[in-house]
Amino acid sequence: AVSARGDIWTLPAKEGSPRNLTRTAGAREKDAAWSPDGKSIAYLSDATGEYELYVAPADGKGAPKRLTTDGARYRTLRGWSPDGGHLLLSDSAGAHTLVAADSGKATLVEKDPAGGALDMVFSPDSRWIAYSRAGEDPRVQPSIWIYSVETGEKRKVTSGVFADTNPTFDRKGEWLVFVSSRVFRQPLYDDNQTTWIYPSTQTLVALP
């Protein structure tokens, strides 16, 4: 699935013809994403004047379903949960929202204090979202957080002493693996900054 010339298209992997699913001359669609079962394609469209979330049948048979009605900011579609039950949106104000694929119910997961896009990932069973987020105090390093899709509870699972980023779950959902800047060996002295610098501090860390 691709976004091209303002429309959403499906392209054959081997043989066949491209299919234009939206055919909207006066609107722009973007961020096409297949549902895990391959039956639907989600995308954002500015047909109303602001970007809203839609889900359409992947075979082109049937009208698209609009899931959101509050597009006040520029949005980006981050993708589906593995079970196809939710979609994840981020916007230009740093808000990251979970949208139910059946009802369109929207739930705020997190808002980045710096207004940026957080590197969020679902667990294989779709029950959790892991992400890296800096603190309200800019002197605090980014930490790994997890969010419960079922309860809405979120908690920090690393200390913030080191810069922890880019979390991902293993395939069974038992471990979180992330990048951490916590290796401080062979410091070098910077002649221009007149201070010590620590190259190659990043390492992979696994957390139960």
N, C-alpha and C. Protein backbone atom coordinates (compact mmCIF):
# COMPACT_ATOMS: atom_id res chain seq x y z
N ALA A 1 0.85 -1.19 0.00
CA ALA A 1 0.00 0.00 0.00
C ALA A 1 0.88 1.23 0.00
N VAL A 2 0.56 2.18 -0.86
CA VAL A 2 1.38 3.38 -0.97
C VAL A 2 0.47 4.60 -1.08
N SER A 3 1.04 5.75 -0.73
CA SER A 3 0.39 7.03 -0.98
C SER A 3 1.12 7.69 -2.14
N ALA A 4 0.38 7.99 -3.22
CA ALA A 4 1.00 8.60 -4.40
C ALA A 4 0.00 9.53 -5.07
N ARG A 5 0.46 10.71 -5.45
CA ARG A 5 -0.40 11.71 -6.11
C ARG A 5 -1.65 12.02 -5.29
N GLY A 6 -1.52 11.97 -3.98
CA GLY A 6 -2.62 12.32 -3.10
C GLY A 6 -3.65 11.24 -2.91
N ASP A 7 -3.44 10.05 -3.46
CA ASP A 7 -4.38 8.94 -3.32
C ASP A 7 -3.70 7.75 -2.66
N ILE A 8 -4.52 6.81 -2.19
CA ILE A 8 -4.02 5.56 -1.64
C ILE A 8 -4.13 4.47 -2.70
N TRP A 9 -3.03 3.76 -2.94
CA TRP A 9 -2.97 2.73 -3.96
C TRP A 9 -2.51 1.42 -3.33
N THR A 10 -2.93 0.32 -3.96
CA THR A 10 -2.31 -0.97 -3.66
C THR A 10 -1.57 -1.44 -4.91
N LEU A 11 -0.40 -1.99 -4.69
CA LEU A 11 0.43 -2.46 -5.79
C LEU A 11 0.64 -3.96 -5.65
N PRO A 12 0.57 -4.70 -6.75
CA PRO A 12 0.78 -6.16 -6.67
C PRO A 12 2.23 -6.49 -6.37
N ALA A 13 2.44 -7.53 -5.59
CA ALA A 13 3.80 -7.96 -5.29
C ALA A 13 4.49 -8.55 -6.51
N LYS A 14 3.71 -9.23 -7.38
CA LYS A 14 4.30 -9.85 -8.57
C LYS A 14 3.56 -9.44 -9.84
N GLU A 15 2.33 -9.93 -10.00
CA GLU A 15 1.60 -9.67 -11.24
C GLU A 15 0.28 -8.95 -10.93
N GLY A 16 -0.17 -8.17 -11.89
CA GLY A 16 -1.42 -7.45 -11.72
C GLY A 16 -1.24 -5.97 -11.94
N SER A 17 -2.29 -5.21 -11.69
CA SER A 17 -2.28 -3.77 -11.93
C SER A 17 -2.42 -3.00 -10.62
N PRO A 18 -1.84 -1.80 -10.54
CA PRO A 18 -2.09 -0.95 -9.37
C PRO A 18 -3.57 -0.61 -9.26
N ARG A 19 -4.04 -0.46 -8.02
CA ARG A 19 -5.46 -0.14 -7.79
C ARG A 19 -5.54 1.13 -6.95
N ASN A 20 -6.27 2.12 -7.45
CA ASN A 20 -6.49 3.37 -6.72
C ASN A 20 -7.71 3.19 -5.84
N LEU A 21 -7.51 3.24 -4.52
CA LEU A 21 -8.61 2.99 -3.59
C LEU A 21 -9.43 4.23 -3.27
N THR A 22 -8.86 5.41 -3.41
CA THR A 22 -9.56 6.61 -2.93
C THR A 22 -10.06 7.51 -4.06
N ARG A 23 -9.28 7.78 -5.07
CA ARG A 23 -9.71 8.59 -6.22
C ARG A 23 -10.35 9.91 -5.80
N THR A 24 -9.62 10.70 -5.03
CA THR A 24 -10.13 11.98 -4.55
C THR A 24 -9.30 13.11 -5.16
N ALA A 25 -9.91 13.87 -6.06
CA ALA A 25 -9.18 14.96 -6.71
C ALA A 25 -8.97 16.15 -5.79
N GLY A 26 -9.88 16.34 -4.82
CA GLY A 26 -9.80 17.53 -3.98
C GLY A 26 -9.26 17.29 -2.59
N ALA A 27 -8.68 16.12 -2.33
CA ALA A 27 -8.15 15.81 -1.00
C ALA A 27 -6.83 15.06 -1.15
N ARG A 28 -6.05 15.09 -0.09
CA ARG A 28 -4.77 14.35 -0.08
C ARG A 28 -4.83 13.27 0.99
N GLU A 29 -4.54 12.05 0.60
CA GLU A 29 -4.44 10.94 1.55
C GLU A 29 -2.97 10.55 1.73
N LYS A 30 -2.63 10.11 2.94
CA LYS A 30 -1.24 9.75 3.22
C LYS A 30 -1.18 8.67 4.29
N ASP A 31 0.02 8.15 4.51
CA ASP A 31 0.31 7.19 5.60
C ASP A 31 -0.50 5.91 5.49
N ALA A 32 -0.55 5.30 4.33
CA ALA A 32 -1.30 4.06 4.16
C ALA A 32 -0.67 2.94 4.99
N ALA A 33 -1.52 2.15 5.68
CA ALA A 33 -1.04 1.07 6.53
C ALA A 33 -2.00 -0.11 6.47
N TRP A 34 -1.48 -1.29 6.11
CA TRP A 34 -2.30 -2.50 6.08
C TRP A 34 -2.69 -2.93 7.48
N SER A 35 -3.89 -3.42 7.64
CA SER A 35 -4.28 -4.08 8.88
C SER A 35 -3.56 -5.41 8.97
N PRO A 36 -3.33 -5.94 10.18
CA PRO A 36 -2.60 -7.21 10.31
C PRO A 36 -3.25 -8.38 9.56
N ASP A 37 -4.59 -8.36 9.41
CA ASP A 37 -5.24 -9.46 8.70
C ASP A 37 -5.30 -9.24 7.19
N GLY A 38 -4.81 -8.09 6.71
CA GLY A 38 -4.76 -7.82 5.28
C GLY A 38 -6.07 -7.44 4.65
N LYS A 39 -7.11 -7.23 5.45
CA LYS A 39 -8.43 -6.94 4.90
C LYS A 39 -8.73 -5.45 4.79
N SER A 40 -7.98 -4.61 5.50
CA SER A 40 -8.27 -3.18 5.54
C SER A 40 -6.98 -2.38 5.39
N ILE A 41 -7.16 -1.13 4.97
CA ILE A 41 -6.04 -0.19 4.89
C ILE A 41 -6.46 1.09 5.62
N ALA A 42 -5.67 1.50 6.57
CA ALA A 42 -5.90 2.75 7.28
C ALA A 42 -5.06 3.86 6.64
N TYR A 43 -5.59 5.08 6.70
CA TYR A 43 -4.85 6.21 6.13
C TYR A 43 -5.41 7.50 6.71
N LEU A 44 -4.69 8.59 6.48
CA LEU A 44 -5.14 9.92 6.87
C LEU A 44 -5.56 10.69 5.63
N SER A 45 -6.67 11.44 5.74
CA SER A 45 -7.16 12.24 4.62
C SER A 45 -7.55 13.63 5.12
N ASP A 46 -7.26 14.65 4.30
CA ASP A 46 -7.65 16.02 4.66
C ASP A 46 -8.91 16.45 3.92
N ALA A 47 -9.78 15.51 3.60
CA ALA A 47 -11.01 15.83 2.87
C ALA A 47 -11.89 16.82 3.62
N THR A 48 -11.83 16.85 4.95
CA THR A 48 -12.64 17.77 5.75
C THR A 48 -11.93 19.10 5.98
N GLY A 49 -10.70 19.23 5.52
CA GLY A 49 -9.90 20.42 5.79
C GLY A 49 -8.78 20.16 6.77
N GLU A 50 -8.90 19.11 7.59
CA GLU A 50 -7.86 18.69 8.52
C GLU A 50 -7.69 17.18 8.40
N TYR A 51 -6.54 16.68 8.77
CA TYR A 51 -6.29 15.25 8.62
C TYR A 51 -7.09 14.44 9.63
N GLU A 52 -7.92 13.52 9.12
CA GLU A 52 -8.68 12.58 9.93
C GLU A 52 -8.32 11.16 9.52
N LEU A 53 -8.60 10.22 10.43
CA LEU A 53 -8.23 8.83 10.23
C LEU A 53 -9.39 8.06 9.59
N TYR A 54 -9.07 7.31 8.55
CA TYR A 54 -10.05 6.49 7.85
C TYR A 54 -9.54 5.06 7.74
N VAL A 55 -10.48 4.12 7.64
CA VAL A 55 -10.15 2.72 7.35
C VAL A 55 -11.02 2.29 6.17
N ALA A 56 -10.41 1.70 5.15
CA ALA A 56 -11.13 1.29 3.94
C ALA A 56 -10.88 -0.18 3.65
N PRO A 57 -11.83 -0.87 3.01
CA PRO A 57 -11.60 -2.25 2.59
C PRO A 57 -10.43 -2.31 1.60
N ALA A 58 -9.54 -3.26 1.80
CA ALA A 58 -8.35 -3.35 0.96
C ALA A 58 -8.67 -3.76 -0.47
N ASP A 59 -9.82 -4.41 -0.68
CA ASP A 59 -10.17 -4.84 -2.04
C ASP A 59 -10.89 -3.76 -2.82
N GLY A 60 -11.09 -2.59 -2.21
CA GLY A 60 -11.76 -1.49 -2.90
C GLY A 60 -13.26 -1.59 -2.95
N LYS A 61 -13.84 -2.62 -2.34
CA LYS A 61 -15.29 -2.81 -2.36
C LYS A 61 -15.87 -2.29 -1.04
N GLY A 62 -16.56 -1.19 -1.10
CA GLY A 62 -17.14 -0.60 0.09
C GLY A 62 -16.56 0.76 0.40
N ALA A 63 -17.33 1.57 1.09
CA ALA A 63 -16.92 2.94 1.42
C ALA A 63 -15.97 2.94 2.62
N PRO A 64 -15.04 3.89 2.68
CA PRO A 64 -14.16 4.00 3.84
C PRO A 64 -14.94 4.45 5.07
N LYS A 65 -14.43 4.08 6.24
CA LYS A 65 -15.04 4.45 7.51
C LYS A 65 -14.16 5.49 8.19
N ARG A 66 -14.77 6.62 8.54
CA ARG A 66 -14.03 7.68 9.23
C ARG A 66 -14.04 7.41 10.73
N LEU A 67 -12.84 7.43 11.35
CA LEU A 67 -12.74 7.09 12.78
C LEU A 67 -12.55 8.30 13.68
N THR A 68 -12.01 9.40 13.18
CA THR A 68 -11.78 10.58 14.02
C THR A 68 -12.51 11.79 13.45
N THR A 69 -12.78 12.76 14.32
CA THR A 69 -13.50 13.98 13.91
C THR A 69 -12.89 15.23 14.55
N ASP A 70 -11.66 15.13 15.03
CA ASP A 70 -11.09 16.24 15.80
C ASP A 70 -9.72 16.65 15.29
N GLY A 71 -9.52 16.67 13.98
CA GLY A 71 -8.20 16.94 13.43
C GLY A 71 -7.79 18.39 13.52
N ALA A 72 -7.34 18.81 14.70
CA ALA A 72 -6.94 20.20 14.89
C ALA A 72 -5.45 20.42 14.62
N ARG A 73 -4.67 19.33 14.54
CA ARG A 73 -3.24 19.45 14.33
C ARG A 73 -2.80 18.50 13.21
N TYR A 74 -1.61 18.75 12.70
CA TYR A 74 -1.05 17.86 11.68
C TYR A 74 -0.77 16.50 12.30
N ARG A 75 -1.25 15.45 11.65
CA ARG A 75 -1.16 14.11 12.23
C ARG A 75 -0.29 13.19 11.37
N THR A 76 0.22 12.16 12.04
CA THR A 76 0.94 11.08 11.38
C THR A 76 0.40 9.76 11.89
N LEU A 77 0.11 8.83 10.99
CA LEU A 77 -0.35 7.50 11.37
C LEU A 77 0.86 6.63 11.62
N ARG A 78 0.96 6.07 12.84
CA ARG A 78 2.11 5.26 13.21
C ARG A 78 1.90 3.77 12.94
N GLY A 79 0.64 3.35 12.76
CA GLY A 79 0.41 1.95 12.43
C GLY A 79 -0.62 1.29 13.31
N TRP A 80 -0.82 -0.02 13.07
CA TRP A 80 -1.81 -0.84 13.77
C TRP A 80 -1.17 -1.59 14.93
N SER A 81 -1.99 -1.95 15.90
CA SER A 81 -1.57 -2.93 16.90
C SER A 81 -1.55 -4.30 16.24
N PRO A 82 -0.74 -5.24 16.74
CA PRO A 82 -0.65 -6.56 16.09
C PRO A 82 -1.97 -7.30 15.98
N ASP A 83 -2.90 -7.06 16.92
CA ASP A 83 -4.20 -7.75 16.85
C ASP A 83 -5.22 -7.00 16.00
N GLY A 84 -4.85 -5.86 15.44
CA GLY A 84 -5.75 -5.09 14.60
C GLY A 84 -6.82 -4.32 15.34
N GLY A 85 -6.73 -4.27 16.66
CA GLY A 85 -7.77 -3.62 17.45
C GLY A 85 -7.61 -2.11 17.59
N HIS A 86 -6.41 -1.61 17.42
CA HIS A 86 -6.15 -0.18 17.61
C HIS A 86 -5.19 0.35 16.56
N LEU A 87 -5.25 1.68 16.38
CA LEU A 87 -4.29 2.39 15.55
C LEU A 87 -3.65 3.48 16.40
N LEU A 88 -2.42 3.80 16.08
CA LEU A 88 -1.67 4.78 16.85
C LEU A 88 -1.40 6.01 16.00
N LEU A 89 -1.77 7.18 16.55
CA LEU A 89 -1.55 8.45 15.87
C LEU A 89 -0.62 9.33 16.69
N SER A 90 0.17 10.14 16.02
CA SER A 90 0.91 11.21 16.69
C SER A 90 0.61 12.51 15.97
N ASP A 91 0.73 13.63 16.70
CA ASP A 91 0.44 14.92 16.07
C ASP A 91 1.56 15.91 16.32
N SER A 92 1.42 17.09 15.72
CA SER A 92 2.48 18.09 15.74
C SER A 92 2.68 18.72 17.11
N ALA A 93 1.78 18.46 18.06
CA ALA A 93 1.95 18.97 19.41
C ALA A 93 2.61 17.95 20.33
N GLY A 94 3.00 16.78 19.77
CA GLY A 94 3.65 15.76 20.58
C GLY A 94 2.71 14.81 21.26
N ALA A 95 1.40 14.87 20.96
CA ALA A 95 0.44 13.95 21.56
C ALA A 95 0.40 12.65 20.76
N HIS A 96 0.33 11.53 21.50
CA HIS A 96 0.27 10.21 20.88
C HIS A 96 -1.02 9.54 21.36
N THR A 97 -1.88 9.21 20.41
CA THR A 97 -3.24 8.79 20.71
C THR A 97 -3.52 7.40 20.17
N LEU A 98 -4.21 6.60 20.97
CA LEU A 98 -4.64 5.27 20.59
C LEU A 98 -6.09 5.35 20.15
N VAL A 99 -6.39 4.86 18.94
CA VAL A 99 -7.74 4.93 18.39
C VAL A 99 -8.26 3.51 18.16
N ALA A 100 -9.43 3.19 18.76
CA ALA A 100 -10.03 1.88 18.58
C ALA A 100 -10.50 1.72 17.13
N ALA A 101 -10.14 0.61 16.49
CA ALA A 101 -10.45 0.42 15.08
C ALA A 101 -11.93 0.19 14.84
N ASP A 102 -12.68 -0.29 15.84
CA ASP A 102 -14.09 -0.55 15.64
C ASP A 102 -14.97 0.65 15.96
N SER A 103 -14.67 1.36 17.06
CA SER A 103 -15.53 2.44 17.51
C SER A 103 -14.98 3.83 17.25
N GLY A 104 -13.67 3.94 17.02
CA GLY A 104 -13.06 5.26 16.88
C GLY A 104 -12.77 5.94 18.20
N LYS A 105 -12.97 5.26 19.33
CA LYS A 105 -12.69 5.87 20.64
C LYS A 105 -11.20 6.18 20.74
N ALA A 106 -10.91 7.43 21.11
CA ALA A 106 -9.52 7.89 21.17
C ALA A 106 -9.07 8.03 22.62
N THR A 107 -7.87 7.55 22.91
CA THR A 107 -7.30 7.62 24.25
C THR A 107 -5.88 8.17 24.15
N LEU A 108 -5.60 9.22 24.91
CA LEU A 108 -4.26 9.79 24.93
C LEU A 108 -3.31 8.85 25.67
N VAL A 109 -2.26 8.43 25.00
CA VAL A 109 -1.25 7.56 25.62
C VAL A 109 -0.19 8.40 26.32
N GLU A 110 0.35 9.38 25.62
CA GLU A 110 1.44 10.19 26.16
C GLU A 110 1.57 11.46 25.36
N LYS A 111 2.12 12.49 25.98
CA LYS A 111 2.45 13.72 25.28
C LYS A 111 3.90 14.07 25.58
N ASP A 112 4.68 14.18 24.54
CA ASP A 112 6.10 14.48 24.71
C ASP A 112 6.25 15.93 25.16
N PRO A 113 6.93 16.19 26.28
CA PRO A 113 7.11 17.57 26.75
C PRO A 113 7.78 18.46 25.71
N ALA A 114 8.61 17.88 24.85
CA ALA A 114 9.31 18.67 23.83
C ALA A 114 8.50 18.79 22.54
N GLY A 115 7.33 18.14 22.48
CA GLY A 115 6.49 18.23 21.29
C GLY A 115 6.95 17.36 20.14
N GLY A 116 7.77 16.36 20.42
CA GLY A 116 8.30 15.52 19.35
C GLY A 116 7.53 14.23 19.18
N ALA A 117 8.02 13.38 18.28
CA ALA A 117 7.42 12.07 18.02
C ALA A 117 8.17 11.02 18.81
N LEU A 118 7.48 10.28 19.65
CA LEU A 118 8.11 9.24 20.47
C LEU A 118 8.19 7.94 19.70
N ASP A 119 9.21 7.16 19.99
CA ASP A 119 9.43 5.89 19.28
C ASP A 119 8.63 4.78 19.99
N MET A 120 7.34 4.70 19.67
CA MET A 120 6.43 3.77 20.34
C MET A 120 6.33 2.45 19.59
N VAL A 121 6.26 1.35 20.36
CA VAL A 121 6.10 0.01 19.77
C VAL A 121 5.10 -0.79 20.60
N PHE A 122 4.32 -1.65 19.94
CA PHE A 122 3.39 -2.54 20.61
C PHE A 122 4.09 -3.84 21.01
N SER A 123 3.62 -4.44 22.09
CA SER A 123 4.04 -5.80 22.41
C SER A 123 3.35 -6.77 21.46
N PRO A 124 3.88 -7.98 21.27
CA PRO A 124 3.28 -8.93 20.32
C PRO A 124 1.82 -9.25 20.61
N ASP A 125 1.40 -9.21 21.90
CA ASP A 125 0.01 -9.51 22.24
C ASP A 125 -0.87 -8.26 22.26
N SER A 126 -0.31 -7.11 21.89
CA SER A 126 -1.04 -5.82 21.79
C SER A 126 -1.49 -5.27 23.14
N ARG A 127 -1.04 -5.83 24.24
CA ARG A 127 -1.47 -5.37 25.56
C ARG A 127 -0.65 -4.20 26.07
N TRP A 128 0.53 -3.99 25.52
CA TRP A 128 1.43 -2.97 26.04
C TRP A 128 2.01 -2.13 24.89
N ILE A 129 2.35 -0.89 25.23
CA ILE A 129 3.11 -0.03 24.33
C ILE A 129 4.35 0.42 25.09
N ALA A 130 5.51 0.26 24.48
CA ALA A 130 6.76 0.74 25.07
C ALA A 130 7.24 1.95 24.28
N TYR A 131 7.86 2.88 25.00
CA TYR A 131 8.36 4.08 24.33
C TYR A 131 9.42 4.74 25.20
N SER A 132 10.18 5.62 24.58
CA SER A 132 11.20 6.39 25.27
C SER A 132 10.74 7.84 25.37
N ARG A 133 10.89 8.42 26.57
CA ARG A 133 10.43 9.78 26.77
C ARG A 133 11.34 10.53 27.72
N ALA A 134 11.66 11.78 27.37
CA ALA A 134 12.44 12.63 28.26
C ALA A 134 11.55 13.16 29.37
N GLY A 135 12.16 13.61 30.44
CA GLY A 135 11.40 14.15 31.56
C GLY A 135 11.02 15.60 31.35
N GLU A 136 10.20 16.11 32.27
CA GLU A 136 9.85 17.53 32.22
C GLU A 136 11.09 18.40 32.42
N ASP A 137 12.03 17.90 33.21
CA ASP A 137 13.29 18.60 33.43
C ASP A 137 14.24 18.20 32.30
N PRO A 138 14.70 19.14 31.48
CA PRO A 138 15.55 18.80 30.34
C PRO A 138 16.89 18.19 30.75
N ARG A 139 17.27 18.32 32.03
CA ARG A 139 18.53 17.74 32.48
C ARG A 139 18.42 16.24 32.71
N VAL A 140 17.19 15.72 32.77
CA VAL A 140 16.97 14.30 32.99
C VAL A 140 17.04 13.56 31.65
N GLN A 141 17.76 12.47 31.63
CA GLN A 141 17.92 11.69 30.41
C GLN A 141 16.61 10.98 30.05
N PRO A 142 16.39 10.66 28.75
CA PRO A 142 15.18 9.92 28.36
C PRO A 142 15.16 8.52 28.99
N SER A 143 13.96 8.09 29.37
CA SER A 143 13.76 6.79 30.01
C SER A 143 12.79 5.95 29.20
N ILE A 144 12.78 4.65 29.48
CA ILE A 144 11.84 3.74 28.85
C ILE A 144 10.58 3.66 29.71
N TRP A 145 9.43 3.79 29.06
CA TRP A 145 8.13 3.70 29.73
C TRP A 145 7.32 2.59 29.08
N ILE A 146 6.37 2.04 29.83
CA ILE A 146 5.41 1.10 29.25
C ILE A 146 4.00 1.56 29.62
N TYR A 147 3.08 1.35 28.69
CA TYR A 147 1.69 1.77 28.84
C TYR A 147 0.80 0.55 28.66
N SER A 148 -0.16 0.37 29.57
CA SER A 148 -1.11 -0.73 29.48
C SER A 148 -2.30 -0.32 28.62
N VAL A 149 -2.51 -1.01 27.50
CA VAL A 149 -3.65 -0.72 26.63
C VAL A 149 -4.95 -1.04 27.35
N GLU A 150 -4.95 -2.03 28.23
CA GLU A 150 -6.17 -2.47 28.90
C GLU A 150 -6.60 -1.50 30.00
N THR A 151 -5.66 -0.99 30.78
CA THR A 151 -6.00 -0.17 31.95
C THR A 151 -5.66 1.31 31.79
N GLY A 152 -4.79 1.65 30.84
CA GLY A 152 -4.35 3.04 30.69
C GLY A 152 -3.24 3.42 31.65
N GLU A 153 -2.77 2.48 32.46
CA GLU A 153 -1.68 2.77 33.40
C GLU A 153 -0.36 2.85 32.65
N LYS A 154 0.49 3.79 33.05
CA LYS A 154 1.82 3.88 32.47
C LYS A 154 2.84 4.06 33.58
N ARG A 155 4.01 3.50 33.35
CA ARG A 155 5.05 3.62 34.37
C ARG A 155 6.43 3.60 33.72
N LYS A 156 7.34 4.26 34.41
CA LYS A 156 8.72 4.33 33.95
C LYS A 156 9.47 3.09 34.42
N VAL A 157 10.20 2.44 33.51
CA VAL A 157 10.86 1.19 33.87
C VAL A 157 12.39 1.29 33.84
N THR A 158 12.94 2.44 33.45
CA THR A 158 14.38 2.67 33.62
C THR A 158 14.57 3.97 34.39
N SER A 159 15.76 4.17 34.93
CA SER A 159 15.98 5.18 35.96
C SER A 159 16.05 6.61 35.45
N GLY A 160 16.50 6.82 34.22
CA GLY A 160 16.74 8.18 33.75
C GLY A 160 18.15 8.64 34.02
N VAL A 161 18.98 7.80 34.63
CA VAL A 161 20.39 8.14 34.84
C VAL A 161 21.13 8.13 33.51
N PHE A 162 20.78 7.15 32.65
CA PHE A 162 21.38 7.05 31.33
C PHE A 162 20.33 7.36 30.27
N ALA A 163 20.79 7.69 29.06
CA ALA A 163 19.88 7.97 27.96
C ALA A 163 19.44 6.64 27.35
N ASP A 164 18.18 6.26 27.57
CA ASP A 164 17.63 4.99 27.09
C ASP A 164 16.60 5.28 25.99
N THR A 165 16.77 4.68 24.82
CA THR A 165 15.92 4.98 23.67
C THR A 165 15.64 3.72 22.85
N ASN A 166 14.77 3.86 21.85
CA ASN A 166 14.50 2.82 20.83
C ASN A 166 14.13 1.47 21.43
N PRO A 167 13.09 1.40 22.26
CA PRO A 167 12.71 0.10 22.81
C PRO A 167 12.02 -0.78 21.78
N THR A 168 12.12 -2.07 21.96
CA THR A 168 11.38 -3.04 21.16
C THR A 168 11.17 -4.30 21.98
N PHE A 169 10.07 -5.00 21.75
CA PHE A 169 9.79 -6.24 22.45
C PHE A 169 10.39 -7.42 21.68
N ASP A 170 10.78 -8.47 22.42
CA ASP A 170 11.14 -9.70 21.73
C ASP A 170 9.87 -10.37 21.22
N ARG A 171 10.00 -11.40 20.41
CA ARG A 171 8.83 -11.97 19.72
C ARG A 171 7.85 -12.62 20.67
N LYS A 172 8.28 -13.04 21.85
CA LYS A 172 7.37 -13.63 22.83
C LYS A 172 6.80 -12.59 23.79
N GLY A 173 7.32 -11.37 23.73
CA GLY A 173 6.83 -10.33 24.62
C GLY A 173 7.33 -10.43 26.04
N GLU A 174 8.42 -11.15 26.25
CA GLU A 174 8.94 -11.34 27.61
C GLU A 174 10.06 -10.37 27.95
N TRP A 175 10.67 -9.76 26.95
CA TRP A 175 11.81 -8.87 27.18
C TRP A 175 11.62 -7.56 26.40
N LEU A 176 12.11 -6.51 27.00
CA LEU A 176 12.27 -5.23 26.31
C LEU A 176 13.76 -5.06 25.99
N VAL A 177 14.07 -4.78 24.75
CA VAL A 177 15.44 -4.50 24.35
C VAL A 177 15.50 -3.04 23.92
N PHE A 178 16.51 -2.32 24.40
CA PHE A 178 16.61 -0.91 24.06
C PHE A 178 18.07 -0.50 23.98
N VAL A 179 18.28 0.68 23.39
CA VAL A 179 19.62 1.25 23.27
C VAL A 179 19.87 2.15 24.47
N SER A 180 21.02 1.96 25.12
CA SER A 180 21.33 2.75 26.31
C SER A 180 22.75 3.30 26.22
N SER A 181 22.88 4.58 26.52
CA SER A 181 24.21 5.23 26.52
C SER A 181 24.78 5.12 27.93
N ARG A 182 25.42 3.98 28.23
CA ARG A 182 25.90 3.74 29.58
C ARG A 182 27.29 3.10 29.62
N VAL A 183 28.01 3.14 28.50
CA VAL A 183 29.36 2.59 28.47
C VAL A 183 30.35 3.75 28.42
N PHE A 184 31.14 3.90 29.49
CA PHE A 184 32.05 5.04 29.59
C PHE A 184 33.48 4.54 29.77
N ARG A 185 34.09 4.19 28.65
CA ARG A 185 35.47 3.74 28.70
C ARG A 185 36.28 4.49 27.66
N GLN A 186 37.57 4.58 27.90
CA GLN A 186 38.50 5.27 27.02
C GLN A 186 38.05 6.71 26.70
N PRO A 187 37.90 7.54 27.71
CA PRO A 187 37.54 8.94 27.44
C PRO A 187 38.66 9.66 26.68
N LEU A 188 38.25 10.63 25.89
CA LEU A 188 39.19 11.43 25.13
C LEU A 188 39.08 12.89 25.56
N TYR A 189 40.20 13.60 25.48
CA TYR A 189 40.16 15.01 25.84
C TYR A 189 39.99 15.86 24.59
N ASP A 190 38.99 16.72 24.61
CA ASP A 190 38.65 17.58 23.46
C ASP A 190 39.43 18.88 23.58
N ASP A 191 40.34 19.11 22.64
CA ASP A 191 41.16 20.32 22.69
C ASP A 191 40.35 21.60 22.48
N ASN A 192 39.25 21.51 21.69
CA ASN A 192 38.45 22.69 21.40
C ASN A 192 37.49 23.03 22.54
N GLN A 193 36.87 22.02 23.10
CA GLN A 193 35.90 22.25 24.17
C GLN A 193 36.53 22.23 25.56
N THR A 194 37.80 21.85 25.61
CA THR A 194 38.53 21.73 26.88
C THR A 194 37.75 20.92 27.91
N THR A 195 37.34 19.74 27.49
CA THR A 195 36.61 18.85 28.39
C THR A 195 36.80 17.42 27.92
N TRP A 196 36.38 16.49 28.75
CA TRP A 196 36.45 15.07 28.38
C TRP A 196 35.21 14.68 27.59
N ILE A 197 35.40 13.85 26.56
CA ILE A 197 34.29 13.31 25.79
C ILE A 197 34.35 11.78 25.84
N TYR A 198 33.19 11.16 25.70
CA TYR A 198 33.09 9.71 25.82
C TYR A 198 32.46 9.15 24.54
N PRO A 199 33.26 8.66 23.60
CA PRO A 199 32.71 8.11 22.35
C PRO A 199 32.18 6.70 22.55
N SER A 200 31.29 6.28 21.66
CA SER A 200 30.79 4.90 21.62
C SER A 200 30.19 4.46 22.95
N THR A 201 29.29 5.27 23.47
CA THR A 201 28.69 4.94 24.77
C THR A 201 27.48 4.02 24.66
N GLN A 202 26.93 3.82 23.44
CA GLN A 202 25.69 3.08 23.31
C GLN A 202 25.92 1.57 23.34
N THR A 203 24.98 0.88 23.98
CA THR A 203 24.99 -0.57 24.02
C THR A 203 23.56 -1.07 24.06
N LEU A 204 23.33 -2.34 23.76
CA LEU A 204 22.00 -2.93 23.85
C LEU A 204 21.78 -3.51 25.24
N VAL A 205 20.59 -3.26 25.77
CA VAL A 205 20.24 -3.75 27.09
C VAL A 205 18.90 -4.49 27.00
N ALA A 206 18.80 -5.63 27.67
CA ALA A 206 17.55 -6.38 27.73
C ALA A 206 16.97 -6.28 29.13
N LEU A 207 15.68 -5.98 29.21
CA LEU A 207 14.99 -5.79 30.48
C LEU A 207 13.77 -6.72 30.54
N PRO A 208 13.64 -7.56 31.60
CA PRO A 208 12.46 -8.42 31.69
C PRO A 208 11.16 -7.62 31.76
